[in-house]
């Protein structure tokens, strides 16, 4: 009994430190920047990674403040993220600053209630199916746009076919990734009036849809790699990440803990970022 109590206390502590502070999801976003930069052959720079990670934490922090039933935890992570965002912004090209500033506006307004009560939907994320599409697209703009614009001063020319192939595969993967969190939040989202895919179609149908999308992506990835001239060390992590996402759709249930969801689901883009450390030819 004491051992079980200690395990639950430890799990609660880790959940508060990693999940409730949004450090884990910020690390996942930073990992995606690393992966995309490596996949596109961009110079490896830490400033874009830091900027996207810090901005992600602050946006999730603001969203947690808007949602009174899902408050964020910890002041120090937010202060550190703000400091890192300022540090990276001071070194960023003007195009990056414009992208971050303009992109932050819809992200911050995403969960804010609209004035008046005559509208059917009280905020943007209450519009049916907007939540997964918006989150996925916003993340894609950040992880591609920031490193690309940061490197625009270099003489490196990246074919649009390469960018399009990588973006297409990653968009489907992240859409499945985001939808997995909606499975866990189905009851809470329905209570808040958020019409996500699980709320509209149920957990079973959504889970099957995620697995079908992952299967289709696994089949399409070699073709995308061929038309985009993606290297094997880009294709393999994407294939493994897609398989891991399908396994999460099978293994995770709505009653799984928030920590398990975060470690498994947000851990996938984090591992994509870690794949840049794999030695070539391994």
C-alpha atoms as a PDB file:
ATOM      1  CA  UNK A   1       0.000   0.000   0.000  1.00  0.00           C
ATOM      2  CA  UNK A   2       2.819   2.377   0.934  1.00  0.00           C
ATOM      3  CA  UNK A   3       4.712   1.444  -2.228  1.00  0.00           C
ATOM      4  CA  UNK A   4       1.592   2.053  -4.351  1.00  0.00           C
ATOM      5  CA  UNK A   5       1.004   5.392  -2.642  1.00  0.00           C
ATOM      6  CA  UNK A   6       4.599   6.376  -3.307  1.00  0.00           C
ATOM      7  CA  UNK A   7       4.235   5.478  -6.987  1.00  0.00           C
ATOM      8  CA  UNK A   8       1.101   7.606  -7.356  1.00  0.00           C
ATOM      9  CA  UNK A   9       2.777  10.504  -5.570  1.00  0.00           C
ATOM     10  CA  UNK A  10       5.811  10.253  -7.844  1.00  0.00           C
ATOM     11  CA  UNK A  11       3.606  10.052 -10.933  1.00  0.00           C
ATOM     12  CA  UNK A  12       1.658  13.087  -9.776  1.00  0.00           C
ATOM     13  CA  UNK A  13       4.883  15.021  -9.212  1.00  0.00           C
ATOM     14  CA  UNK A  14       6.246  14.165 -12.671  1.00  0.00           C
ATOM     15  CA  UNK A  15       2.867  15.051 -14.208  1.00  0.00           C
ATOM     16  CA  UNK A  16       2.901  18.454 -12.553  1.00  0.00           C
ATOM     17  CA  UNK A  17       6.519  19.130 -13.521  1.00  0.00           C
ATOM     18  CA  UNK A  18       6.303  18.019 -17.158  1.00  0.00           C
ATOM     19  CA  UNK A  19       2.663  18.141 -18.258  1.00  0.00           C
ATOM     20  CA  UNK A  20       1.005  20.885 -16.222  1.00  0.00           C
ATOM     21  CA  UNK A  21       3.906  23.282 -16.818  1.00  0.00           C
ATOM     22  CA  UNK A  22       3.750  22.506 -20.585  1.00  0.00           C
ATOM     23  CA  UNK A  23       7.483  21.794 -20.621  1.00  0.00           C
ATOM     24  CA  UNK A  24       6.914  18.441 -22.328  1.00  0.00           C
ATOM     25  CA  UNK A  25       4.761  19.754 -25.187  1.00  0.00           C
ATOM     26  CA  UNK A  26       7.186  22.659 -25.667  1.00  0.00           C
ATOM     27  CA  UNK A  27      10.032  20.152 -25.937  1.00  0.00           C
ATOM     28  CA  UNK A  28       8.009  18.202 -28.511  1.00  0.00           C
ATOM     29  CA  UNK A  29       7.572  21.337 -30.641  1.00  0.00           C
ATOM     30  CA  UNK A  30      11.286  22.094 -30.334  1.00  0.00           C
ATOM     31  CA  UNK A  31      12.063  18.534 -31.413  1.00  0.00           C
ATOM     32  CA  UNK A  32       9.993  19.007 -34.555  1.00  0.00           C
ATOM     33  CA  UNK A  33      12.015  22.100 -35.465  1.00  0.00           C
ATOM     34  CA  UNK A  34      15.223  20.101 -35.093  1.00  0.00           C
ATOM     35  CA  UNK A  35      13.854  17.308 -37.260  1.00  0.00           C
ATOM     36  CA  UNK A  36      12.523  19.583 -40.009  1.00  0.00           C
ATOM     37  CA  UNK A  37      15.746  21.584 -40.139  1.00  0.00           C
ATOM     38  CA  UNK A  38      17.804  18.420 -40.485  1.00  0.00           C
ATOM     39  CA  UNK A  39      15.414  16.914 -43.047  1.00  0.00           C
ATOM     40  CA  UNK A  40      15.542  20.034 -45.229  1.00  0.00           C
ATOM     41  CA  UNK A  41      19.313  20.341 -44.956  1.00  0.00           C
ATOM     42  CA  UNK A  42      19.181  23.671 -43.134  1.00  0.00           C
ATOM     43  CA  UNK A  43      22.056  24.869 -40.945  1.00  0.00           C
ATOM     44  CA  UNK A  44      21.655  23.497 -37.440  1.00  0.00           C
ATOM     45  CA  UNK A  45      20.911  26.518 -35.231  1.00  0.00           C
ATOM     46  CA  UNK A  46      19.517  26.526 -31.707  1.00  0.00           C
ATOM     47  CA  UNK A  47      17.780  29.903 -31.945  1.00  0.00           C
ATOM     48  CA  UNK A  48      14.798  28.661 -34.043  1.00  0.00           C
ATOM     49  CA  UNK A  49      14.456  25.632 -31.765  1.00  0.00           C
ATOM     50  CA  UNK A  50      14.423  27.807 -28.660  1.00  0.00           C
ATOM     51  CA  UNK A  51      11.996  30.315 -30.177  1.00  0.00           C
ATOM     52  CA  UNK A  52       9.387  27.730 -31.198  1.00  0.00           C
ATOM     53  CA  UNK A  53       9.681  25.832 -27.916  1.00  0.00           C
ATOM     54  CA  UNK A  54       9.352  28.977 -25.800  1.00  0.00           C
ATOM     55  CA  UNK A  55       6.455  30.340 -27.864  1.00  0.00           C
ATOM     56  CA  UNK A  56       4.648  26.993 -27.615  1.00  0.00           C
ATOM     57  CA  UNK A  57       4.931  26.964 -23.834  1.00  0.00           C
ATOM     58  CA  UNK A  58       3.622  30.522 -23.546  1.00  0.00           C
ATOM     59  CA  UNK A  59       0.670  29.866 -25.871  1.00  0.00           C
ATOM     60  CA  UNK A  60      -0.301  26.745 -23.931  1.00  0.00           C
ATOM     61  CA  UNK A  61       0.111  28.747 -20.746  1.00  0.00           C
ATOM     62  CA  UNK A  62      -2.297  31.388 -22.041  1.00  0.00           C
ATOM     63  CA  UNK A  63      -4.742  28.693 -23.141  1.00  0.00           C
ATOM     64  CA  UNK A  64      -4.584  27.184 -19.667  1.00  0.00           C
ATOM     65  CA  UNK A  65      -5.348  30.590 -18.182  1.00  0.00           C
ATOM     66  CA  UNK A  66      -8.396  30.927 -20.453  1.00  0.00           C
ATOM     67  CA  UNK A  67      -9.578  27.436 -19.451  1.00  0.00           C
ATOM     68  CA  UNK A  68     -10.299  27.829 -15.756  1.00  0.00           C
ATOM     69  CA  UNK A  69     -10.835  24.066 -15.429  1.00  0.00           C
ATOM     70  CA  UNK A  70      -7.395  23.285 -16.872  1.00  0.00           C
ATOM     71  CA  UNK A  71      -5.032  25.714 -15.152  1.00  0.00           C
ATOM     72  CA  UNK A  72      -1.322  25.722 -15.878  1.00  0.00           C
ATOM     73  CA  UNK A  73       1.247  25.058 -13.183  1.00  0.00           C
ATOM     74  CA  UNK A  74       4.483  26.776 -12.279  1.00  0.00           C
ATOM     75  CA  UNK A  75       5.601  30.364 -12.721  1.00  0.00           C
ATOM     76  CA  UNK A  76       9.281  29.715 -13.373  1.00  0.00           C
ATOM     77  CA  UNK A  77       8.792  27.816 -16.668  1.00  0.00           C
ATOM     78  CA  UNK A  78       6.722  30.711 -18.036  1.00  0.00           C
ATOM     79  CA  UNK A  79       9.307  33.269 -16.908  1.00  0.00           C
ATOM     80  CA  UNK A  80      12.120  31.196 -18.416  1.00  0.00           C
ATOM     81  CA  UNK A  81      10.170  30.783 -21.665  1.00  0.00           C
ATOM     82  CA  UNK A  82       9.593  34.527 -21.871  1.00  0.00           C
ATOM     83  CA  UNK A  83      13.297  35.189 -21.324  1.00  0.00           C
ATOM     84  CA  UNK A  84      14.280  32.642 -23.988  1.00  0.00           C
ATOM     85  CA  UNK A  85      11.740  34.072 -26.417  1.00  0.00           C
ATOM     86  CA  UNK A  86      13.162  37.573 -25.949  1.00  0.00           C
ATOM     87  CA  UNK A  87      16.718  36.238 -26.327  1.00  0.00           C
ATOM     88  CA  UNK A  88      15.927  34.424 -29.567  1.00  0.00           C
ATOM     89  CA  UNK A  89      13.849  37.329 -30.914  1.00  0.00           C
ATOM     90  CA  UNK A  90      16.800  39.704 -30.498  1.00  0.00           C
ATOM     91  CA  UNK A  91      18.789  37.521 -32.910  1.00  0.00           C
ATOM     92  CA  UNK A  92      15.983  36.699 -35.338  1.00  0.00           C
ATOM     93  CA  UNK A  93      15.643  38.140 -38.852  1.00  0.00           C
ATOM     94  CA  UNK A  94      12.764  40.536 -39.405  1.00  0.00           C
ATOM     95  CA  UNK A  95      10.837  37.949 -41.451  1.00  0.00           C
ATOM     96  CA  UNK A  96      10.861  35.525 -38.515  1.00  0.00           C
ATOM     97  CA  UNK A  97       9.613  38.199 -36.120  1.00  0.00           C
ATOM     98  CA  UNK A  98       6.755  39.031 -38.468  1.00  0.00           C
ATOM     99  CA  UNK A  99       5.822  35.353 -38.771  1.00  0.00           C
ATOM    100  CA  UNK A 100       5.856  34.803 -35.010  1.00  0.00           C
ATOM    101  CA  UNK A 101       3.946  38.006 -34.277  1.00  0.00           C
ATOM    102  CA  UNK A 102       1.268  37.402 -36.903  1.00  0.00           C
ATOM    103  CA  UNK A 103       1.036  33.700 -36.068  1.00  0.00           C
ATOM    104  CA  UNK A 104       0.641  34.377 -32.355  1.00  0.00           C
ATOM    105  CA  UNK A 105      -2.535  36.412 -32.883  1.00  0.00           C
ATOM    106  CA  UNK A 106      -4.813  33.557 -34.052  1.00  0.00           C
ATOM    107  CA  UNK A 107      -3.168  31.172 -31.577  1.00  0.00           C
ATOM    108  CA  UNK A 108      -3.953  33.486 -28.658  1.00  0.00           C
ATOM    109  CA  UNK A 109      -7.469  34.227 -29.926  1.00  0.00           C
ATOM    110  CA  UNK A 110      -8.159  30.539 -30.579  1.00  0.00           C
ATOM    111  CA  UNK A 111      -9.715  29.890 -27.173  1.00  0.00           C
ATOM    112  CA  UNK A 112     -10.924  33.388 -26.273  1.00  0.00           C
ATOM    113  CA  UNK A 113     -14.694  33.787 -25.977  1.00  0.00           C
ATOM    114  CA  UNK A 114     -16.293  36.092 -28.545  1.00  0.00           C
ATOM    115  CA  UNK A 115     -18.345  39.010 -27.179  1.00  0.00           C
ATOM    116  CA  UNK A 116     -22.101  38.709 -27.317  1.00  0.00           C
ATOM    117  CA  UNK A 117     -24.309  35.655 -27.119  1.00  0.00           C
ATOM    118  CA  UNK A 118     -26.036  35.659 -30.517  1.00  0.00           C
ATOM    119  CA  UNK A 119     -23.402  33.506 -32.188  1.00  0.00           C
ATOM    120  CA  UNK A 120     -23.811  29.756 -32.221  1.00  0.00           C
ATOM    121  CA  UNK A 121     -20.164  29.172 -31.308  1.00  0.00           C
ATOM    122  CA  UNK A 122     -18.560  31.154 -28.505  1.00  0.00           C
ATOM    123  CA  UNK A 123     -14.973  30.899 -29.750  1.00  0.00           C
ATOM    124  CA  UNK A 124     -12.967  29.617 -32.702  1.00  0.00           C
ATOM    125  CA  UNK A 125     -12.194  26.206 -31.248  1.00  0.00           C
ATOM    126  CA  UNK A 126     -15.898  25.461 -30.724  1.00  0.00           C
ATOM    127  CA  UNK A 127     -16.425  25.381 -34.501  1.00  0.00           C
ATOM    128  CA  UNK A 128     -16.733  21.684 -35.489  1.00  0.00           C
ATOM    129  CA  UNK A 129     -13.418  19.909 -36.200  1.00  0.00           C
ATOM    130  CA  UNK A 130     -11.457  23.179 -35.990  1.00  0.00           C
ATOM    131  CA  UNK A 131      -9.449  22.095 -32.933  1.00  0.00           C
ATOM    132  CA  UNK A 132      -7.244  19.364 -34.506  1.00  0.00           C
ATOM    133  CA  UNK A 133      -6.929  21.164 -37.847  1.00  0.00           C
ATOM    134  CA  UNK A 134      -6.001  24.482 -36.241  1.00  0.00           C
ATOM    135  CA  UNK A 135      -3.472  23.045 -33.785  1.00  0.00           C
ATOM    136  CA  UNK A 136      -1.833  20.909 -36.483  1.00  0.00           C
ATOM    137  CA  UNK A 137      -1.637  23.723 -39.033  1.00  0.00           C
ATOM    138  CA  UNK A 138      -0.338  26.269 -36.518  1.00  0.00           C
ATOM    139  CA  UNK A 139       2.393  23.881 -35.442  1.00  0.00           C
ATOM    140  CA  UNK A 140       3.338  23.158 -39.053  1.00  0.00           C
ATOM    141  CA  UNK A 141       3.675  26.865 -39.846  1.00  0.00           C
ATOM    142  CA  UNK A 142       5.971  27.292 -36.851  1.00  0.00           C
ATOM    143  CA  UNK A 143       8.234  24.270 -37.313  1.00  0.00           C
ATOM    144  CA  UNK A 144       8.693  24.928 -41.039  1.00  0.00           C
ATOM    145  CA  UNK A 145       8.394  28.702 -41.275  1.00  0.00           C
ATOM    146  CA  UNK A 146      10.741  29.735 -38.469  1.00  0.00           C
ATOM    147  CA  UNK A 147      13.830  27.704 -39.504  1.00  0.00           C
ATOM    148  CA  UNK A 148      13.235  28.352 -43.220  1.00  0.00           C
ATOM    149  CA  UNK A 149      12.947  32.117 -42.781  1.00  0.00           C
ATOM    150  CA  UNK A 150      15.880  32.106 -40.364  1.00  0.00           C
ATOM    151  CA  UNK A 151      18.038  30.488 -43.035  1.00  0.00           C
ATOM    152  CA  UNK A 152      16.760  32.570 -45.951  1.00  0.00           C
ATOM    153  CA  UNK A 153      19.952  34.634 -45.956  1.00  0.00           C
ATOM    154  CA  UNK A 154      22.014  31.553 -46.838  1.00  0.00           C
ATOM    155  CA  UNK A 155      22.679  30.539 -50.428  1.00  0.00           C
ATOM    156  CA  UNK A 156      20.950  27.200 -49.844  1.00  0.00           C
ATOM    157  CA  UNK A 157      18.091  26.572 -52.282  1.00  0.00           C
ATOM    158  CA  UNK A 158      15.553  23.966 -51.142  1.00  0.00           C
ATOM    159  CA  UNK A 159      13.246  22.513 -53.822  1.00  0.00           C
ATOM    160  CA  UNK A 160       9.552  23.047 -53.151  1.00  0.00           C
ATOM    161  CA  UNK A 161       8.972  19.358 -53.850  1.00  0.00           C
ATOM    162  CA  UNK A 162      11.148  18.507 -50.849  1.00  0.00           C
ATOM    163  CA  UNK A 163       9.345  20.957 -48.582  1.00  0.00           C
ATOM    164  CA  UNK A 164       5.948  19.796 -49.838  1.00  0.00           C
ATOM    165  CA  UNK A 165       6.691  16.088 -49.446  1.00  0.00           C
ATOM    166  CA  UNK A 166       7.994  16.494 -45.907  1.00  0.00           C
ATOM    167  CA  UNK A 167       5.181  18.858 -44.929  1.00  0.00           C
ATOM    168  CA  UNK A 168       2.503  16.554 -46.343  1.00  0.00           C
ATOM    169  CA  UNK A 169       3.698  13.513 -44.438  1.00  0.00           C
ATOM    170  CA  UNK A 170       4.316  15.414 -41.230  1.00  0.00           C
ATOM    171  CA  UNK A 171       0.915  17.152 -41.377  1.00  0.00           C
ATOM    172  CA  UNK A 172      -0.940  13.817 -41.466  1.00  0.00           C
ATOM    173  CA  UNK A 173       1.244  12.452 -38.659  1.00  0.00           C
ATOM    174  CA  UNK A 174       0.650  15.481 -36.433  1.00  0.00           C
ATOM    175  CA  UNK A 175      -3.084  15.487 -37.165  1.00  0.00           C
ATOM    176  CA  UNK A 176      -3.256  11.898 -35.910  1.00  0.00           C
ATOM    177  CA  UNK A 177      -1.105  12.884 -32.944  1.00  0.00           C
ATOM    178  CA  UNK A 178      -3.384  15.767 -31.964  1.00  0.00           C
ATOM    179  CA  UNK A 179      -6.507  13.638 -32.417  1.00  0.00           C
ATOM    180  CA  UNK A 180      -5.191  11.104 -29.888  1.00  0.00           C
ATOM    181  CA  UNK A 181      -5.364  13.759 -27.175  1.00  0.00           C
ATOM    182  CA  UNK A 182      -8.959  14.465 -28.178  1.00  0.00           C
ATOM    183  CA  UNK A 183      -9.774  10.817 -27.421  1.00  0.00           C
ATOM    184  CA  UNK A 184      -8.765  11.321 -23.818  1.00  0.00           C
ATOM    185  CA  UNK A 185     -10.516  14.691 -23.562  1.00  0.00           C
ATOM    186  CA  UNK A 186     -13.788  13.586 -25.209  1.00  0.00           C
ATOM    187  CA  UNK A 187     -15.997  14.012 -22.134  1.00  0.00           C
ATOM    188  CA  UNK A 188     -14.393  17.305 -21.085  1.00  0.00           C
ATOM    189  CA  UNK A 189     -14.514  18.672 -24.643  1.00  0.00           C
ATOM    190  CA  UNK A 190     -18.196  17.758 -24.996  1.00  0.00           C
ATOM    191  CA  UNK A 191     -18.906  19.523 -21.709  1.00  0.00           C
ATOM    192  CA  UNK A 192     -17.158  22.660 -23.002  1.00  0.00           C
ATOM    193  CA  UNK A 193     -18.957  22.500 -26.343  1.00  0.00           C
ATOM    194  CA  UNK A 194     -15.863  21.561 -28.377  1.00  0.00           C
ATOM    195  CA  UNK A 195     -16.947  19.442 -31.352  1.00  0.00           C
ATOM    196  CA  UNK A 196     -13.798  17.383 -31.873  1.00  0.00           C
ATOM    197  CA  UNK A 197     -13.715  14.185 -33.929  1.00  0.00           C
ATOM    198  CA  UNK A 198     -14.265  11.895 -30.899  1.00  0.00           C
ATOM    199  CA  UNK A 199     -17.196  14.049 -29.767  1.00  0.00           C
ATOM    200  CA  UNK A 200     -18.762  13.882 -33.238  1.00  0.00           C
ATOM    201  CA  UNK A 201     -18.029  10.265 -34.136  1.00  0.00           C
ATOM    202  CA  UNK A 202     -17.164   8.518 -30.874  1.00  0.00           C
ATOM    203  CA  UNK A 203     -13.906   7.058 -29.605  1.00  0.00           C
ATOM    204  CA  UNK A 204     -14.059   3.775 -31.524  1.00  0.00           C
ATOM    205  CA  UNK A 205     -14.605   5.343 -34.932  1.00  0.00           C
ATOM    206  CA  UNK A 206     -11.986   8.018 -34.274  1.00  0.00           C
ATOM    207  CA  UNK A 207      -9.463   5.419 -33.136  1.00  0.00           C
ATOM    208  CA  UNK A 208     -10.084   3.394 -36.294  1.00  0.00           C
ATOM    209  CA  UNK A 209      -9.726   6.554 -38.370  1.00  0.00           C
ATOM    210  CA  UNK A 210      -6.340   7.319 -36.799  1.00  0.00           C
ATOM    211  CA  UNK A 211      -5.119   3.782 -37.463  1.00  0.00           C
ATOM    212  CA  UNK A 212      -6.357   3.944 -41.070  1.00  0.00           C
ATOM    213  CA  UNK A 213      -4.622   7.302 -41.579  1.00  0.00           C
ATOM    214  CA  UNK A 214      -1.388   5.896 -40.133  1.00  0.00           C
ATOM    215  CA  UNK A 215      -1.597   2.873 -42.445  1.00  0.00           C
ATOM    216  CA  UNK A 216      -2.188   5.118 -45.456  1.00  0.00           C
ATOM    217  CA  UNK A 217       0.740   7.312 -44.417  1.00  0.00           C
ATOM    218  CA  UNK A 218       3.049   4.307 -44.040  1.00  0.00           C
ATOM    219  CA  UNK A 219       2.170   3.306 -47.602  1.00  0.00           C
ATOM    220  CA  UNK A 220       2.597   6.853 -48.933  1.00  0.00           C
ATOM    221  CA  UNK A 221       5.851   7.729 -47.147  1.00  0.00           C
ATOM    222  CA  UNK A 222       8.233   5.912 -49.558  1.00  0.00           C
ATOM    223  CA  UNK A 223       6.507   7.668 -52.463  1.00  0.00           C
ATOM    224  CA  UNK A 224       6.764  11.045 -50.714  1.00  0.00           C
ATOM    225  CA  UNK A 225      10.429  10.354 -49.994  1.00  0.00           C
ATOM    226  CA  UNK A 226      11.073   9.597 -53.664  1.00  0.00           C
ATOM    227  CA  UNK A 227       9.400  12.723 -55.052  1.00  0.00           C
ATOM    228  CA  UNK A 228      10.889  14.905 -52.326  1.00  0.00           C
ATOM    229  CA  UNK A 229      14.345  13.292 -52.418  1.00  0.00           C
ATOM    230  CA  UNK A 230      14.203  12.702 -48.663  1.00  0.00           C
ATOM    231  CA  UNK A 231      17.165  10.840 -47.214  1.00  0.00           C
ATOM    232  CA  UNK A 232      16.731   7.408 -45.574  1.00  0.00           C
ATOM    233  CA  UNK A 233      17.540   8.924 -42.169  1.00  0.00           C
ATOM    234  CA  UNK A 234      14.520  11.188 -42.655  1.00  0.00           C
ATOM    235  CA  UNK A 235      12.186   8.498 -43.967  1.00  0.00           C
ATOM    236  CA  UNK A 236      12.959   5.923 -41.264  1.00  0.00           C
ATOM    237  CA  UNK A 237      12.116   8.168 -38.271  1.00  0.00           C
ATOM    238  CA  UNK A 238       8.874   9.193 -39.993  1.00  0.00           C
ATOM    239  CA  UNK A 239       7.949   5.551 -40.540  1.00  0.00           C
ATOM    240  CA  UNK A 240       8.739   4.666 -36.927  1.00  0.00           C
ATOM    241  CA  UNK A 241       6.808   7.693 -35.661  1.00  0.00           C
ATOM    242  CA  UNK A 242       3.787   6.709 -37.758  1.00  0.00           C
ATOM    243  CA  UNK A 243       3.897   3.153 -36.423  1.00  0.00           C
ATOM    244  CA  UNK A 244       4.209   4.467 -32.867  1.00  0.00           C
ATOM    245  CA  UNK A 245       1.182   6.715 -33.400  1.00  0.00           C
ATOM    246  CA  UNK A 246      -0.867   3.731 -34.586  1.00  0.00           C
ATOM    247  CA  UNK A 247       0.243   1.766 -31.513  1.00  0.00           C
ATOM    248  CA  UNK A 248      -0.848   4.660 -29.302  1.00  0.00           C
ATOM    249  CA  UNK A 249      -4.263   4.591 -30.970  1.00  0.00           C
ATOM    250  CA  UNK A 250      -4.500   0.897 -30.089  1.00  0.00           C
ATOM    251  CA  UNK A 251      -2.992   0.945 -26.609  1.00  0.00           C
ATOM    252  CA  UNK A 252      -4.123   4.225 -25.063  1.00  0.00           C
ATOM    253  CA  UNK A 253      -7.644   4.461 -23.682  1.00  0.00           C
ATOM    254  CA  UNK A 254      -9.709   7.424 -22.440  1.00  0.00           C
ATOM    255  CA  UNK A 255      -8.965   6.340 -18.861  1.00  0.00           C
ATOM    256  CA  UNK A 256      -5.188   6.335 -19.364  1.00  0.00           C
ATOM    257  CA  UNK A 257      -3.436   8.913 -17.213  1.00  0.00           C
ATOM    258  CA  UNK A 258      -2.542  12.356 -18.515  1.00  0.00           C
ATOM    259  CA  UNK A 259       1.112  11.545 -17.915  1.00  0.00           C
ATOM    260  CA  UNK A 260       0.925   8.378 -20.022  1.00  0.00           C
ATOM    261  CA  UNK A 261      -0.741  10.276 -22.858  1.00  0.00           C
ATOM    262  CA  UNK A 262       1.845  13.042 -22.710  1.00  0.00           C
ATOM    263  CA  UNK A 263       4.857  10.725 -22.551  1.00  0.00           C
ATOM    264  CA  UNK A 264       3.600   8.483 -25.363  1.00  0.00           C
ATOM    265  CA  UNK A 265       1.939  10.945 -27.740  1.00  0.00           C
ATOM    266  CA  UNK A 266       4.093  14.063 -27.275  1.00  0.00           C
ATOM    267  CA  UNK A 267       7.092  11.771 -26.980  1.00  0.00           C
ATOM    268  CA  UNK A 268       6.752  10.882 -30.676  1.00  0.00           C
ATOM    269  CA  UNK A 269       7.713  14.330 -32.071  1.00  0.00           C
ATOM    270  CA  UNK A 270      10.338  14.567 -29.341  1.00  0.00           C
ATOM    271  CA  UNK A 271      11.915  11.349 -30.633  1.00  0.00           C
ATOM    272  CA  UNK A 272      11.801  12.764 -34.165  1.00  0.00           C
ATOM    273  CA  UNK A 273      13.951  15.599 -32.877  1.00  0.00           C
ATOM    274  CA  UNK A 274      16.293  13.166 -31.149  1.00  0.00           C
ATOM    275  CA  UNK A 275      16.714  11.265 -34.432  1.00  0.00           C
ATOM    276  CA  UNK A 276      18.979  14.043 -35.750  1.00  0.00           C
ATOM    277  CA  UNK A 277      21.619  12.660 -33.392  1.00  0.00           C
ATOM    278  CA  UNK A 278      21.610   9.257 -35.086  1.00  0.00           C
ATOM    279  CA  UNK A 279      24.917   8.672 -36.885  1.00  0.00           C
ATOM    280  CA  UNK A 280      24.554   8.506 -40.680  1.00  0.00           C
ATOM    281  CA  UNK A 281      24.411   4.986 -42.061  1.00  0.00           C
ATOM    282  CA  UNK A 282      23.410   3.427 -38.731  1.00  0.00           C
END
